[in-house]
Amino acid sequence: MLTPQPTPPAPEAAPIAAPSESAPPQPAPPAEGAIGPWQPAPQ
């Protein structure tokens, strides 16, 4: 009975870590694009 318990929590941590890593890279590209057009605009 102790085997099935630790099995479900393991897969749950895997899917949560996958989306977490994909989240940081997404906001990174848009931030650079916003800084590009912003600098030339005020200049």
N, C-alpha and C. Protein backbone atom coordinates (compact mmCIF):
# COMPACT_ATOMS: atom_id res chain seq x y z
N MET A 1 0.84 -1.21 0.00
CA MET A 1 0.00 0.00 0.00
C MET A 1 0.88 1.26 0.00
N LEU A 2 2.11 1.12 0.47
CA LEU A 2 2.99 2.30 0.53
C LEU A 2 3.59 2.57 -0.85
N THR A 3 3.55 1.57 -1.70
CA THR A 3 4.15 1.75 -3.04
C THR A 3 3.28 2.67 -3.92
N PRO A 4 1.97 2.46 -3.92
CA PRO A 4 1.08 3.29 -4.79
C PRO A 4 1.03 4.74 -4.32
N GLN A 5 1.21 4.97 -3.05
CA GLN A 5 1.12 6.35 -2.53
C GLN A 5 2.25 7.23 -3.09
N PRO A 6 3.49 6.78 -3.00
CA PRO A 6 4.64 7.58 -3.49
C PRO A 6 4.67 7.66 -5.02
N THR A 7 3.95 6.79 -5.67
CA THR A 7 3.95 6.79 -7.15
C THR A 7 3.16 7.98 -7.71
N PRO A 8 1.98 8.25 -7.20
CA PRO A 8 1.14 9.36 -7.72
C PRO A 8 1.79 10.74 -7.51
N PRO A 9 2.40 10.98 -6.36
CA PRO A 9 3.03 12.28 -6.08
C PRO A 9 4.23 12.53 -7.01
N ALA A 10 4.89 11.48 -7.43
CA ALA A 10 6.07 11.64 -8.29
C ALA A 10 5.67 12.23 -9.65
N PRO A 11 4.68 11.67 -10.33
CA PRO A 11 4.26 12.18 -11.66
C PRO A 11 3.67 13.59 -11.55
N GLU A 12 3.10 13.90 -10.42
CA GLU A 12 2.48 15.24 -10.26
C GLU A 12 3.57 16.33 -10.24
N ALA A 13 4.70 15.98 -9.66
CA ALA A 13 5.80 16.97 -9.55
C ALA A 13 6.45 17.16 -10.93
N ALA A 14 6.42 16.13 -11.75
CA ALA A 14 7.05 16.21 -13.08
C ALA A 14 6.30 17.22 -13.97
N PRO A 15 4.99 17.10 -14.08
CA PRO A 15 4.21 18.02 -14.95
C PRO A 15 4.26 19.45 -14.42
N ILE A 16 4.38 19.61 -13.13
CA ILE A 16 4.40 20.97 -12.54
C ILE A 16 5.75 21.65 -12.85
N ALA A 17 6.80 20.85 -12.94
CA ALA A 17 8.14 21.42 -13.17
C ALA A 17 8.29 21.76 -14.66
N ALA A 18 7.62 21.00 -15.50
CA ALA A 18 7.73 21.24 -16.96
C ALA A 18 7.16 22.61 -17.32
N PRO A 19 5.94 22.91 -16.91
CA PRO A 19 5.32 24.21 -17.25
C PRO A 19 6.05 25.36 -16.57
N SER A 20 6.65 25.09 -15.45
CA SER A 20 7.36 26.15 -14.70
C SER A 20 8.58 26.62 -15.52
N GLU A 21 9.25 25.66 -16.14
CA GLU A 21 10.45 26.02 -16.92
C GLU A 21 10.04 26.74 -18.22
N SER A 22 8.86 26.41 -18.72
CA SER A 22 8.41 27.01 -19.99
C SER A 22 7.91 28.44 -19.73
N ALA A 23 7.53 28.73 -18.50
CA ALA A 23 6.97 30.06 -18.17
C ALA A 23 8.07 31.14 -18.24
N PRO A 24 9.22 30.92 -17.63
CA PRO A 24 10.29 31.93 -17.62
C PRO A 24 10.78 32.30 -19.03
N PRO A 25 10.97 31.33 -19.90
CA PRO A 25 11.47 31.60 -21.26
C PRO A 25 10.46 32.42 -22.07
N GLN A 26 9.16 32.25 -21.81
CA GLN A 26 8.13 32.98 -22.59
C GLN A 26 8.20 34.50 -22.32
N PRO A 27 8.23 34.89 -21.05
CA PRO A 27 8.27 36.33 -20.70
C PRO A 27 9.62 36.96 -21.07
N ALA A 28 10.62 36.14 -21.28
CA ALA A 28 11.96 36.67 -21.59
C ALA A 28 11.98 37.26 -23.01
N PRO A 29 11.48 36.57 -24.01
CA PRO A 29 11.50 37.08 -25.40
C PRO A 29 10.68 38.36 -25.56
N PRO A 30 9.50 38.42 -24.97
CA PRO A 30 8.63 39.61 -25.10
C PRO A 30 9.27 40.83 -24.44
N ALA A 31 10.03 40.61 -23.39
CA ALA A 31 10.65 41.73 -22.64
C ALA A 31 11.71 42.38 -23.54
N GLU A 32 12.44 41.57 -24.28
CA GLU A 32 13.51 42.12 -25.14
C GLU A 32 12.89 42.90 -26.31
N GLY A 33 11.77 42.37 -26.82
CA GLY A 33 11.10 43.03 -27.96
C GLY A 33 10.53 44.38 -27.53
N ALA A 34 10.06 44.46 -26.29
CA ALA A 34 9.44 45.71 -25.80
C ALA A 34 10.53 46.77 -25.60
N ILE A 35 11.72 46.32 -25.22
CA ILE A 35 12.81 47.28 -24.95
C ILE A 35 13.37 47.83 -26.27
N GLY A 36 13.32 47.00 -27.31
CA GLY A 36 13.85 47.42 -28.62
C GLY A 36 13.06 48.61 -29.19
N PRO A 37 11.76 48.43 -29.39
CA PRO A 37 10.93 49.49 -29.98
C PRO A 37 10.78 50.68 -29.04
N TRP A 38 10.99 50.44 -27.76
CA TRP A 38 10.82 51.53 -26.78
C TRP A 38 11.98 52.52 -26.86
N GLN A 39 13.19 52.00 -27.02
CA GLN A 39 14.38 52.89 -27.06
C GLN A 39 14.34 53.82 -28.28
N PRO A 40 14.07 53.28 -29.45
CA PRO A 40 14.05 54.09 -30.69
C PRO A 40 12.89 55.07 -30.68
N ALA A 41 11.83 54.77 -29.95
CA ALA A 41 10.63 55.63 -29.94
C ALA A 41 10.94 56.96 -29.23
N PRO A 42 11.52 56.91 -28.02
CA PRO A 42 11.83 58.14 -27.26
C PRO A 42 12.98 58.91 -27.91
N GLN A 43 13.88 58.18 -28.56
CA GLN A 43 15.03 58.84 -29.19
C GLN A 43 14.52 59.81 -30.25
